[in-house]
């Protein structure tokens, strides 16, 4: 191999190695904050009526959902604060539990049913539940789990969002009322 070819091969290998290198993004400076204080990362001006106010905040994987006193919801990008959607899943005087945020949709549980929205704020469907819902929903994929009242005890229901006629797939009766949301972990329901 000639000197010229050796130099060309070395330059080619260096070019390939250098081309595959990734530059690490700059790291934000970490600062300590005094106890009991907060730091503002972003702000989002939400226009509410004079009589309305933000009542609760709910975090999803990459979303922040703000509930108003009139039961409106504002969905924001968690990292940047950009407004994704504004919805009104229930009437102002209805019960509205914490949302279930899935990969492609958000499920709002009311006292009598589930309302399904895309994560961009488009209403997809409403599902009537034959019992009074008493907990926020949990779930994965097409299945949602809620606890409901039933004759001095409770029942936990599995609801199949793809079933148009009879969405409740099964019910399990408990010996006492269920006060907290069911928990789904590693395909087990607690």
C-alpha atoms as a PDB file:
ATOM      1  CA  UNK A   1       0.000   0.000   0.000  1.00  0.00           C
ATOM      2  CA  UNK A   2       1.403   3.372  -0.924  1.00  0.00           C
ATOM      3  CA  UNK A   3       1.876   6.291   1.403  1.00  0.00           C
ATOM      4  CA  UNK A   4      -0.931   8.176  -0.381  1.00  0.00           C
ATOM      5  CA  UNK A   5      -3.404   5.289   0.096  1.00  0.00           C
ATOM      6  CA  UNK A   6      -2.477   4.893   3.776  1.00  0.00           C
ATOM      7  CA  UNK A   7      -3.083   8.585   4.385  1.00  0.00           C
ATOM      8  CA  UNK A   8      -6.433   8.416   2.549  1.00  0.00           C
ATOM      9  CA  UNK A   9      -7.571   5.411   4.601  1.00  0.00           C
ATOM     10  CA  UNK A  10      -6.543   7.147   7.860  1.00  0.00           C
ATOM     11  CA  UNK A  11      -8.429  10.319   6.890  1.00  0.00           C
ATOM     12  CA  UNK A  12     -11.483   8.277   5.908  1.00  0.00           C
ATOM     13  CA  UNK A  13     -11.471   6.435   9.254  1.00  0.00           C
ATOM     14  CA  UNK A  14     -11.030   9.687  11.182  1.00  0.00           C
ATOM     15  CA  UNK A  15     -13.899  11.238   9.224  1.00  0.00           C
ATOM     16  CA  UNK A  16     -16.180   8.297  10.008  1.00  0.00           C
ATOM     17  CA  UNK A  17     -15.290   8.334  13.686  1.00  0.00           C
ATOM     18  CA  UNK A  18     -15.698  12.111  13.957  1.00  0.00           C
ATOM     19  CA  UNK A  19     -19.012  11.965  12.043  1.00  0.00           C
ATOM     20  CA  UNK A  20     -20.467   9.466  14.515  1.00  0.00           C
ATOM     21  CA  UNK A  21     -19.605  11.541  17.558  1.00  0.00           C
ATOM     22  CA  UNK A  22     -22.535  13.225  19.225  1.00  0.00           C
ATOM     23  CA  UNK A  23     -22.158  16.517  20.991  1.00  0.00           C
ATOM     24  CA  UNK A  24     -23.820  16.441  24.384  1.00  0.00           C
ATOM     25  CA  UNK A  25     -26.475  19.125  24.927  1.00  0.00           C
ATOM     26  CA  UNK A  26     -25.477  21.871  27.327  1.00  0.00           C
ATOM     27  CA  UNK A  27     -26.398  21.119  30.915  1.00  0.00           C
ATOM     28  CA  UNK A  28     -28.524  23.701  32.675  1.00  0.00           C
ATOM     29  CA  UNK A  29     -26.854  25.203  35.669  1.00  0.00           C
ATOM     30  CA  UNK A  30     -28.171  23.600  38.826  1.00  0.00           C
ATOM     31  CA  UNK A  31     -28.820  26.047  41.611  1.00  0.00           C
ATOM     32  CA  UNK A  32     -29.975  25.458  45.161  1.00  0.00           C
ATOM     33  CA  UNK A  33     -33.182  27.100  46.335  1.00  0.00           C
ATOM     34  CA  UNK A  34     -34.064  28.041  49.880  1.00  0.00           C
ATOM     35  CA  UNK A  35     -36.534  25.754  51.636  1.00  0.00           C
ATOM     36  CA  UNK A  36     -40.164  26.609  50.924  1.00  0.00           C
ATOM     37  CA  UNK A  37     -39.466  28.411  47.645  1.00  0.00           C
ATOM     38  CA  UNK A  38     -40.172  27.689  44.002  1.00  0.00           C
ATOM     39  CA  UNK A  39     -38.442  28.464  40.742  1.00  0.00           C
ATOM     40  CA  UNK A  40     -40.358  29.537  37.618  1.00  0.00           C
ATOM     41  CA  UNK A  41     -39.447  27.477  34.540  1.00  0.00           C
ATOM     42  CA  UNK A  42     -42.267  28.762  32.315  1.00  0.00           C
ATOM     43  CA  UNK A  43     -45.603  30.515  32.609  1.00  0.00           C
ATOM     44  CA  UNK A  44     -48.782  30.173  30.599  1.00  0.00           C
ATOM     45  CA  UNK A  45     -51.311  32.987  30.574  1.00  0.00           C
ATOM     46  CA  UNK A  46     -54.716  31.285  30.771  1.00  0.00           C
ATOM     47  CA  UNK A  47     -57.628  33.607  30.159  1.00  0.00           C
ATOM     48  CA  UNK A  48     -60.397  32.899  32.657  1.00  0.00           C
ATOM     49  CA  UNK A  49     -63.590  34.777  33.341  1.00  0.00           C
ATOM     50  CA  UNK A  50     -63.660  37.005  36.411  1.00  0.00           C
ATOM     51  CA  UNK A  51     -65.675  34.408  38.330  1.00  0.00           C
ATOM     52  CA  UNK A  52     -63.586  31.386  37.305  1.00  0.00           C
ATOM     53  CA  UNK A  53     -60.293  30.180  38.791  1.00  0.00           C
ATOM     54  CA  UNK A  54     -57.809  27.298  38.529  1.00  0.00           C
ATOM     55  CA  UNK A  55     -58.975  24.714  41.056  1.00  0.00           C
ATOM     56  CA  UNK A  56     -56.526  21.807  40.625  1.00  0.00           C
ATOM     57  CA  UNK A  57     -53.507  20.670  38.614  1.00  0.00           C
ATOM     58  CA  UNK A  58     -52.911  17.126  37.350  1.00  0.00           C
ATOM     59  CA  UNK A  59     -49.597  15.874  35.950  1.00  0.00           C
ATOM     60  CA  UNK A  60     -49.289  13.375  33.118  1.00  0.00           C
ATOM     61  CA  UNK A  61     -46.135  11.982  31.522  1.00  0.00           C
ATOM     62  CA  UNK A  62     -45.651  15.085  29.367  1.00  0.00           C
ATOM     63  CA  UNK A  63     -48.860  17.028  30.067  1.00  0.00           C
ATOM     64  CA  UNK A  64     -50.164  19.301  32.782  1.00  0.00           C
ATOM     65  CA  UNK A  65     -53.953  19.515  33.019  1.00  0.00           C
ATOM     66  CA  UNK A  66     -55.496  22.423  34.910  1.00  0.00           C
ATOM     67  CA  UNK A  67     -59.113  22.141  36.099  1.00  0.00           C
ATOM     68  CA  UNK A  68     -61.131  25.302  36.569  1.00  0.00           C
ATOM     69  CA  UNK A  69     -63.972  25.879  39.033  1.00  0.00           C
ATOM     70  CA  UNK A  70     -66.397  25.808  36.058  1.00  0.00           C
ATOM     71  CA  UNK A  71     -65.052  22.316  35.165  1.00  0.00           C
ATOM     72  CA  UNK A  72     -63.113  23.455  32.121  1.00  0.00           C
ATOM     73  CA  UNK A  73     -59.757  21.853  31.450  1.00  0.00           C
ATOM     74  CA  UNK A  74     -56.604  23.416  30.038  1.00  0.00           C
ATOM     75  CA  UNK A  75     -54.014  20.935  28.797  1.00  0.00           C
ATOM     76  CA  UNK A  76     -50.452  22.274  28.617  1.00  0.00           C
ATOM     77  CA  UNK A  77     -47.148  20.812  27.508  1.00  0.00           C
ATOM     78  CA  UNK A  78     -45.355  20.045  30.764  1.00  0.00           C
ATOM     79  CA  UNK A  79     -41.867  20.986  29.551  1.00  0.00           C
ATOM     80  CA  UNK A  80     -42.650  24.294  27.795  1.00  0.00           C
ATOM     81  CA  UNK A  81     -46.091  25.379  28.982  1.00  0.00           C
ATOM     82  CA  UNK A  82     -47.582  25.633  25.493  1.00  0.00           C
ATOM     83  CA  UNK A  83     -51.357  25.259  25.425  1.00  0.00           C
ATOM     84  CA  UNK A  84     -52.413  21.956  23.794  1.00  0.00           C
ATOM     85  CA  UNK A  85     -56.190  22.104  24.254  1.00  0.00           C
ATOM     86  CA  UNK A  86     -59.136  23.575  26.114  1.00  0.00           C
ATOM     87  CA  UNK A  87     -62.071  21.261  26.859  1.00  0.00           C
ATOM     88  CA  UNK A  88     -65.296  21.213  28.866  1.00  0.00           C
ATOM     89  CA  UNK A  89     -65.794  17.498  29.656  1.00  0.00           C
ATOM     90  CA  UNK A  90     -68.739  18.095  32.046  1.00  0.00           C
ATOM     91  CA  UNK A  91     -71.250  20.771  32.985  1.00  0.00           C
ATOM     92  CA  UNK A  92     -70.033  23.300  35.576  1.00  0.00           C
ATOM     93  CA  UNK A  93     -71.911  21.729  38.494  1.00  0.00           C
ATOM     94  CA  UNK A  94     -70.969  18.088  37.819  1.00  0.00           C
ATOM     95  CA  UNK A  95     -68.416  15.967  39.640  1.00  0.00           C
ATOM     96  CA  UNK A  96     -65.075  15.631  37.809  1.00  0.00           C
ATOM     97  CA  UNK A  97     -62.331  13.295  39.037  1.00  0.00           C
ATOM     98  CA  UNK A  98     -58.609  13.504  38.264  1.00  0.00           C
ATOM     99  CA  UNK A  99     -57.933  12.537  34.632  1.00  0.00           C
ATOM    100  CA  UNK A 100     -56.352   9.372  33.310  1.00  0.00           C
ATOM    101  CA  UNK A 101     -53.751  10.389  30.724  1.00  0.00           C
ATOM    102  CA  UNK A 102     -52.836   7.622  28.299  1.00  0.00           C
ATOM    103  CA  UNK A 103     -50.421   7.767  25.362  1.00  0.00           C
ATOM    104  CA  UNK A 104     -53.010   8.969  22.839  1.00  0.00           C
ATOM    105  CA  UNK A 105     -56.021  10.077  24.885  1.00  0.00           C
ATOM    106  CA  UNK A 106     -57.243  11.494  28.166  1.00  0.00           C
ATOM    107  CA  UNK A 107     -60.162   9.994  30.087  1.00  0.00           C
ATOM    108  CA  UNK A 108     -62.247  12.134  32.418  1.00  0.00           C
ATOM    109  CA  UNK A 109     -64.455  10.345  34.956  1.00  0.00           C
ATOM    110  CA  UNK A 110     -67.627  12.010  36.158  1.00  0.00           C
ATOM    111  CA  UNK A 111     -70.146  10.748  38.668  1.00  0.00           C
ATOM    112  CA  UNK A 112     -71.984   8.802  35.971  1.00  0.00           C
ATOM    113  CA  UNK A 113     -69.600   8.040  33.133  1.00  0.00           C
ATOM    114  CA  UNK A 114     -66.348   8.464  31.270  1.00  0.00           C
ATOM    115  CA  UNK A 115     -65.562  11.087  28.656  1.00  0.00           C
ATOM    116  CA  UNK A 116     -62.708  10.312  26.266  1.00  0.00           C
ATOM    117  CA  UNK A 117     -60.707  13.035  24.500  1.00  0.00           C
ATOM    118  CA  UNK A 118     -57.670  12.888  22.248  1.00  0.00           C
ATOM    119  CA  UNK A 119     -54.609  14.498  23.822  1.00  0.00           C
ATOM    120  CA  UNK A 120     -55.155  17.346  21.341  1.00  0.00           C
ATOM    121  CA  UNK A 121     -58.585  18.094  22.839  1.00  0.00           C
ATOM    122  CA  UNK A 122     -60.932  16.408  20.336  1.00  0.00           C
ATOM    123  CA  UNK A 123     -63.923  14.657  21.923  1.00  0.00           C
ATOM    124  CA  UNK A 124     -63.844  10.968  20.966  1.00  0.00           C
ATOM    125  CA  UNK A 125     -66.696   9.377  22.924  1.00  0.00           C
ATOM    126  CA  UNK A 126     -68.726   9.237  26.115  1.00  0.00           C
ATOM    127  CA  UNK A 127     -69.292   6.015  28.021  1.00  0.00           C
ATOM    128  CA  UNK A 128     -72.242   5.724  30.406  1.00  0.00           C
ATOM    129  CA  UNK A 129     -71.587   3.661  33.524  1.00  0.00           C
ATOM    130  CA  UNK A 130     -74.593   1.989  35.209  1.00  0.00           C
ATOM    131  CA  UNK A 131     -73.356   2.852  38.728  1.00  0.00           C
ATOM    132  CA  UNK A 132     -72.164   6.009  40.531  1.00  0.00           C
ATOM    133  CA  UNK A 133     -68.427   6.424  40.019  1.00  0.00           C
ATOM    134  CA  UNK A 134     -66.581   7.268  43.241  1.00  0.00           C
ATOM    135  CA  UNK A 135     -62.878   7.265  42.305  1.00  0.00           C
ATOM    136  CA  UNK A 136     -60.576   8.629  39.625  1.00  0.00           C
ATOM    137  CA  UNK A 137     -59.950   6.178  36.780  1.00  0.00           C
ATOM    138  CA  UNK A 138     -56.852   4.116  36.205  1.00  0.00           C
ATOM    139  CA  UNK A 139     -56.017   1.916  33.245  1.00  0.00           C
ATOM    140  CA  UNK A 140     -53.943   1.090  30.213  1.00  0.00           C
ATOM    141  CA  UNK A 141     -54.668   0.533  26.553  1.00  0.00           C
ATOM    142  CA  UNK A 142     -58.412   0.180  25.995  1.00  0.00           C
ATOM    143  CA  UNK A 143     -59.244  -0.786  29.592  1.00  0.00           C
ATOM    144  CA  UNK A 144     -60.212   1.639  32.341  1.00  0.00           C
ATOM    145  CA  UNK A 145     -60.891   0.721  35.974  1.00  0.00           C
ATOM    146  CA  UNK A 146     -63.101   2.686  38.385  1.00  0.00           C
ATOM    147  CA  UNK A 147     -64.711   2.016  41.750  1.00  0.00           C
ATOM    148  CA  UNK A 148     -68.455   2.551  42.019  1.00  0.00           C
ATOM    149  CA  UNK A 149     -71.118   2.583  44.723  1.00  0.00           C
ATOM    150  CA  UNK A 150     -73.342  -0.461  44.992  1.00  0.00           C
ATOM    151  CA  UNK A 151     -75.853  -1.102  47.806  1.00  0.00           C
ATOM    152  CA  UNK A 152     -73.755  -0.145  50.879  1.00  0.00           C
ATOM    153  CA  UNK A 153     -70.568  -1.652  49.417  1.00  0.00           C
ATOM    154  CA  UNK A 154     -68.569  -0.973  46.281  1.00  0.00           C
ATOM    155  CA  UNK A 155     -67.663  -2.566  43.006  1.00  0.00           C
ATOM    156  CA  UNK A 156     -64.559  -2.159  40.886  1.00  0.00           C
ATOM    157  CA  UNK A 157     -65.390  -2.188  37.190  1.00  0.00           C
ATOM    158  CA  UNK A 158     -63.309  -2.909  34.111  1.00  0.00           C
ATOM    159  CA  UNK A 159     -64.537  -0.786  31.216  1.00  0.00           C
ATOM    160  CA  UNK A 160     -63.549  -1.602  27.630  1.00  0.00           C
ATOM    161  CA  UNK A 161     -63.426   1.659  25.694  1.00  0.00           C
ATOM    162  CA  UNK A 162     -63.765  -0.210  22.377  1.00  0.00           C
ATOM    163  CA  UNK A 163     -67.114  -1.822  23.252  1.00  0.00           C
ATOM    164  CA  UNK A 164     -69.925   0.351  21.879  1.00  0.00           C
ATOM    165  CA  UNK A 165     -72.910  -1.372  23.532  1.00  0.00           C
ATOM    166  CA  UNK A 166     -71.940  -2.974  26.863  1.00  0.00           C
ATOM    167  CA  UNK A 167     -68.595  -1.449  27.883  1.00  0.00           C
ATOM    168  CA  UNK A 168     -68.404  -2.987  31.400  1.00  0.00           C
ATOM    169  CA  UNK A 169     -66.505  -6.252  30.968  1.00  0.00           C
ATOM    170  CA  UNK A 170     -66.511  -7.343  34.614  1.00  0.00           C
ATOM    171  CA  UNK A 171     -67.274  -6.148  38.141  1.00  0.00           C
ATOM    172  CA  UNK A 172     -65.776  -7.200  41.472  1.00  0.00           C
ATOM    173  CA  UNK A 173     -67.745  -6.503  44.643  1.00  0.00           C
ATOM    174  CA  UNK A 174     -65.844  -5.345  47.712  1.00  0.00           C
ATOM    175  CA  UNK A 175     -66.978  -5.653  51.323  1.00  0.00           C
ATOM    176  CA  UNK A 176     -66.510  -1.937  52.032  1.00  0.00           C
ATOM    177  CA  UNK A 177     -66.597   1.327  50.077  1.00  0.00           C
ATOM    178  CA  UNK A 178     -63.547   2.130  47.932  1.00  0.00           C
ATOM    179  CA  UNK A 179     -62.253   5.636  48.611  1.00  0.00           C
ATOM    180  CA  UNK A 180     -59.045   5.746  46.535  1.00  0.00           C
ATOM    181  CA  UNK A 181     -58.423   5.163  42.856  1.00  0.00           C
ATOM    182  CA  UNK A 182     -57.591   1.588  41.872  1.00  0.00           C
ATOM    183  CA  UNK A 183     -53.919   1.068  41.014  1.00  0.00           C
ATOM    184  CA  UNK A 184     -52.722  -0.845  37.972  1.00  0.00           C
ATOM    185  CA  UNK A 185     -49.135  -2.091  38.317  1.00  0.00           C
ATOM    186  CA  UNK A 186     -47.469  -4.779  36.189  1.00  0.00           C
ATOM    187  CA  UNK A 187     -50.864  -5.864  34.827  1.00  0.00           C
ATOM    188  CA  UNK A 188     -52.200  -6.372  38.379  1.00  0.00           C
ATOM    189  CA  UNK A 189     -55.066  -4.330  39.747  1.00  0.00           C
ATOM    190  CA  UNK A 190     -54.879  -3.276  43.399  1.00  0.00           C
END
